[in-house]
Amino acid sequence: MRKMPLLPDCKETTRLVLEGEDRQLRLLERAGVRLHWRMCAGCARFGRQVELMREAMGSWRRHAEPRENEPGE
């Protein structure tokens, strides 16, 4: 297990945000990311972009899946 500083730097914050796509971050990890975002506009913007991509991919998957009672291609 990686030892995380109380306030992660930009590189660590980015790593945690991307890891958060695959697993639920621990409480201290989430708190560190949120605290970093309050001080770093670039990382906060990156977090919003990741969220937007997650939502867009979810929407695309819902629309791309074949619906029941529709002929397949």
N, C-alpha and C. Protein backbone atom coordinates (compact mmCIF):
# COMPACT_ATOMS: atom_id res chain seq x y z
N MET A 1 0.85 -1.17 0.00
CA MET A 1 0.00 0.00 0.00
C MET A 1 0.89 1.23 0.00
N ARG A 2 0.54 2.19 -0.82
CA ARG A 2 1.27 3.43 -0.95
C ARG A 2 0.96 4.35 0.22
N LYS A 3 1.99 4.99 0.76
CA LYS A 3 1.77 5.98 1.81
C LYS A 3 1.50 7.31 1.14
N MET A 4 0.33 7.90 1.43
CA MET A 4 -0.07 9.13 0.78
C MET A 4 0.15 10.32 1.71
N PRO A 5 0.77 11.38 1.18
CA PRO A 5 0.89 12.58 2.00
C PRO A 5 -0.48 13.20 2.22
N LEU A 6 -0.60 14.02 3.26
CA LEU A 6 -1.88 14.64 3.57
C LEU A 6 -2.42 15.44 2.40
N LEU A 7 -1.55 16.21 1.76
CA LEU A 7 -1.97 16.99 0.60
C LEU A 7 -1.16 16.52 -0.61
N PRO A 8 -1.80 15.78 -1.51
CA PRO A 8 -1.07 15.27 -2.68
C PRO A 8 -0.71 16.39 -3.64
N ASP A 9 0.38 16.19 -4.40
CA ASP A 9 0.75 17.15 -5.43
C ASP A 9 -0.10 16.87 -6.68
N CYS A 10 0.14 17.63 -7.73
CA CYS A 10 -0.67 17.50 -8.94
C CYS A 10 -0.56 16.10 -9.57
N LYS A 11 0.65 15.57 -9.60
CA LYS A 11 0.85 14.24 -10.20
C LYS A 11 0.09 13.18 -9.41
N GLU A 12 0.19 13.23 -8.09
CA GLU A 12 -0.50 12.26 -7.23
C GLU A 12 -2.02 12.43 -7.34
N THR A 13 -2.48 13.67 -7.41
CA THR A 13 -3.91 13.93 -7.53
C THR A 13 -4.45 13.35 -8.83
N THR A 14 -3.71 13.56 -9.91
CA THR A 14 -4.13 13.01 -11.21
C THR A 14 -4.19 11.49 -11.15
N ARG A 15 -3.17 10.89 -10.54
CA ARG A 15 -3.15 9.42 -10.42
C ARG A 15 -4.36 8.94 -9.64
N LEU A 16 -4.67 9.63 -8.53
CA LEU A 16 -5.80 9.21 -7.70
C LEU A 16 -7.13 9.38 -8.44
N VAL A 17 -7.28 10.48 -9.16
CA VAL A 17 -8.52 10.69 -9.92
C VAL A 17 -8.72 9.56 -10.93
N LEU A 18 -7.66 9.20 -11.62
CA LEU A 18 -7.78 8.13 -12.61
C LEU A 18 -7.98 6.77 -11.95
N GLU A 19 -7.33 6.52 -10.82
CA GLU A 19 -7.57 5.27 -10.08
C GLU A 19 -9.01 5.21 -9.59
N GLY A 20 -9.57 6.37 -9.26
CA GLY A 20 -10.95 6.42 -8.79
C GLY A 20 -11.95 5.96 -9.83
N GLU A 21 -11.52 5.88 -11.08
CA GLU A 21 -12.39 5.34 -12.13
C GLU A 21 -12.51 3.82 -12.01
N ASP A 22 -11.51 3.19 -11.40
CA ASP A 22 -11.48 1.73 -11.32
C ASP A 22 -11.80 1.19 -9.93
N ARG A 23 -11.64 2.02 -8.92
CA ARG A 23 -11.90 1.56 -7.56
C ARG A 23 -12.37 2.74 -6.72
N GLN A 24 -13.01 2.44 -5.61
CA GLN A 24 -13.43 3.50 -4.70
C GLN A 24 -12.22 3.93 -3.89
N LEU A 25 -11.94 5.23 -3.92
CA LEU A 25 -10.81 5.75 -3.15
C LEU A 25 -11.13 5.70 -1.67
N ARG A 26 -10.06 5.52 -0.87
CA ARG A 26 -10.22 5.55 0.59
C ARG A 26 -10.55 6.97 1.03
N LEU A 27 -11.07 7.10 2.22
CA LEU A 27 -11.49 8.39 2.74
C LEU A 27 -10.37 9.43 2.69
N LEU A 28 -9.17 9.09 3.15
CA LEU A 28 -8.07 10.05 3.14
C LEU A 28 -7.65 10.41 1.72
N GLU A 29 -7.74 9.47 0.80
CA GLU A 29 -7.43 9.77 -0.61
C GLU A 29 -8.43 10.77 -1.17
N ARG A 30 -9.71 10.51 -0.94
CA ARG A 30 -10.75 11.43 -1.43
C ARG A 30 -10.59 12.81 -0.81
N ALA A 31 -10.32 12.86 0.48
CA ALA A 31 -10.15 14.15 1.17
C ALA A 31 -8.95 14.90 0.60
N GLY A 32 -7.85 14.20 0.35
CA GLY A 32 -6.66 14.83 -0.21
C GLY A 32 -6.92 15.40 -1.60
N VAL A 33 -7.64 14.64 -2.43
CA VAL A 33 -7.97 15.11 -3.77
C VAL A 33 -8.84 16.36 -3.69
N ARG A 34 -9.86 16.31 -2.87
CA ARG A 34 -10.77 17.46 -2.77
C ARG A 34 -10.06 18.70 -2.23
N LEU A 35 -9.18 18.51 -1.28
CA LEU A 35 -8.42 19.63 -0.73
C LEU A 35 -7.49 20.20 -1.80
N HIS A 36 -6.84 19.33 -2.55
CA HIS A 36 -5.97 19.79 -3.62
C HIS A 36 -6.77 20.57 -4.66
N TRP A 37 -7.95 20.07 -5.02
CA TRP A 37 -8.79 20.76 -6.00
C TRP A 37 -9.15 22.17 -5.57
N ARG A 38 -9.31 22.37 -4.27
CA ARG A 38 -9.68 23.71 -3.77
C ARG A 38 -8.54 24.71 -3.98
N MET A 39 -7.32 24.21 -4.14
CA MET A 39 -6.17 25.09 -4.30
C MET A 39 -5.59 25.10 -5.71
N CYS A 40 -5.99 24.16 -6.54
CA CYS A 40 -5.38 24.01 -7.86
C CYS A 40 -6.48 23.96 -8.93
N ALA A 41 -6.63 25.06 -9.64
CA ALA A 41 -7.68 25.14 -10.66
C ALA A 41 -7.47 24.13 -11.79
N GLY A 42 -6.21 23.88 -12.16
CA GLY A 42 -5.93 22.94 -13.25
C GLY A 42 -6.37 21.53 -12.91
N CYS A 43 -6.07 21.10 -11.70
CA CYS A 43 -6.46 19.74 -11.30
C CYS A 43 -7.97 19.65 -11.11
N ALA A 44 -8.59 20.70 -10.60
CA ALA A 44 -10.04 20.71 -10.47
C ALA A 44 -10.70 20.59 -11.84
N ARG A 45 -10.15 21.30 -12.82
CA ARG A 45 -10.67 21.22 -14.19
C ARG A 45 -10.50 19.81 -14.74
N PHE A 46 -9.34 19.19 -14.48
CA PHE A 46 -9.12 17.82 -14.92
C PHE A 46 -10.15 16.88 -14.30
N GLY A 47 -10.44 17.05 -13.02
CA GLY A 47 -11.45 16.22 -12.36
C GLY A 47 -12.81 16.36 -13.01
N ARG A 48 -13.18 17.60 -13.38
CA ARG A 48 -14.47 17.82 -14.06
C ARG A 48 -14.47 17.17 -15.44
N GLN A 49 -13.32 17.21 -16.13
CA GLN A 49 -13.23 16.59 -17.45
C GLN A 49 -13.38 15.07 -17.35
N VAL A 50 -12.78 14.48 -16.34
CA VAL A 50 -12.90 13.03 -16.15
C VAL A 50 -14.36 12.68 -15.86
N GLU A 51 -15.01 13.46 -15.04
CA GLU A 51 -16.44 13.24 -14.73
C GLU A 51 -17.29 13.37 -16.00
N LEU A 52 -17.02 14.37 -16.81
CA LEU A 52 -17.75 14.56 -18.07
C LEU A 52 -17.55 13.36 -18.99
N MET A 53 -16.32 12.85 -19.07
CA MET A 53 -16.06 11.69 -19.92
C MET A 53 -16.78 10.45 -19.39
N ARG A 54 -16.82 10.28 -18.07
CA ARG A 54 -17.53 9.13 -17.48
C ARG A 54 -19.02 9.21 -17.84
N GLU A 55 -19.60 10.39 -17.70
CA GLU A 55 -21.02 10.57 -18.04
C GLU A 55 -21.27 10.35 -19.52
N ALA A 56 -20.39 10.87 -20.36
CA ALA A 56 -20.56 10.70 -21.81
C ALA A 56 -20.46 9.23 -22.22
N MET A 57 -19.51 8.52 -21.63
CA MET A 57 -19.37 7.10 -21.96
C MET A 57 -20.59 6.31 -21.48
N GLY A 58 -21.11 6.64 -20.31
CA GLY A 58 -22.32 5.97 -19.81
C GLY A 58 -23.50 6.21 -20.73
N SER A 59 -23.64 7.45 -21.18
CA SER A 59 -24.72 7.79 -22.10
C SER A 59 -24.55 7.06 -23.43
N TRP A 60 -23.32 7.02 -23.93
CA TRP A 60 -23.06 6.34 -25.19
C TRP A 60 -23.38 4.85 -25.06
N ARG A 61 -22.97 4.24 -23.94
CA ARG A 61 -23.25 2.81 -23.74
C ARG A 61 -24.75 2.54 -23.72
N ARG A 62 -25.49 3.40 -23.04
CA ARG A 62 -26.95 3.20 -22.97
C ARG A 62 -27.58 3.30 -24.35
N HIS A 63 -27.10 4.18 -25.18
CA HIS A 63 -27.68 4.36 -26.51
C HIS A 63 -27.14 3.35 -27.52
N ALA A 64 -25.95 2.82 -27.26
CA ALA A 64 -25.34 1.89 -28.20
C ALA A 64 -25.80 0.46 -27.99
N GLU A 65 -26.30 0.14 -26.80
CA GLU A 65 -26.75 -1.23 -26.53
C GLU A 65 -28.02 -1.51 -27.30
N PRO A 66 -28.10 -2.68 -27.92
CA PRO A 66 -29.34 -3.02 -28.63
C PRO A 66 -30.49 -3.16 -27.63
N ARG A 67 -31.62 -2.64 -28.00
CA ARG A 67 -32.80 -2.71 -27.13
C ARG A 67 -33.56 -4.00 -27.41
N GLU A 68 -34.30 -4.44 -26.40
CA GLU A 68 -35.12 -5.63 -26.59
C GLU A 68 -36.19 -5.35 -27.64
N ASN A 69 -36.59 -6.38 -28.35
CA ASN A 69 -37.63 -6.33 -29.38
C ASN A 69 -37.22 -5.50 -30.58
N GLU A 70 -35.94 -5.19 -30.72
CA GLU A 70 -35.47 -4.52 -31.93
C GLU A 70 -34.58 -5.49 -32.69
N PRO A 71 -34.71 -5.54 -33.98
CA PRO A 71 -33.85 -6.45 -34.73
C PRO A 71 -32.39 -6.04 -34.60
N GLY A 72 -31.51 -7.03 -34.44
CA GLY A 72 -30.08 -6.76 -34.36
C GLY A 72 -29.48 -6.52 -35.73
N GLU A 73 -28.30 -5.97 -35.74
CA GLU A 73 -27.64 -5.72 -37.02
C GLU A 73 -26.69 -6.83 -37.33
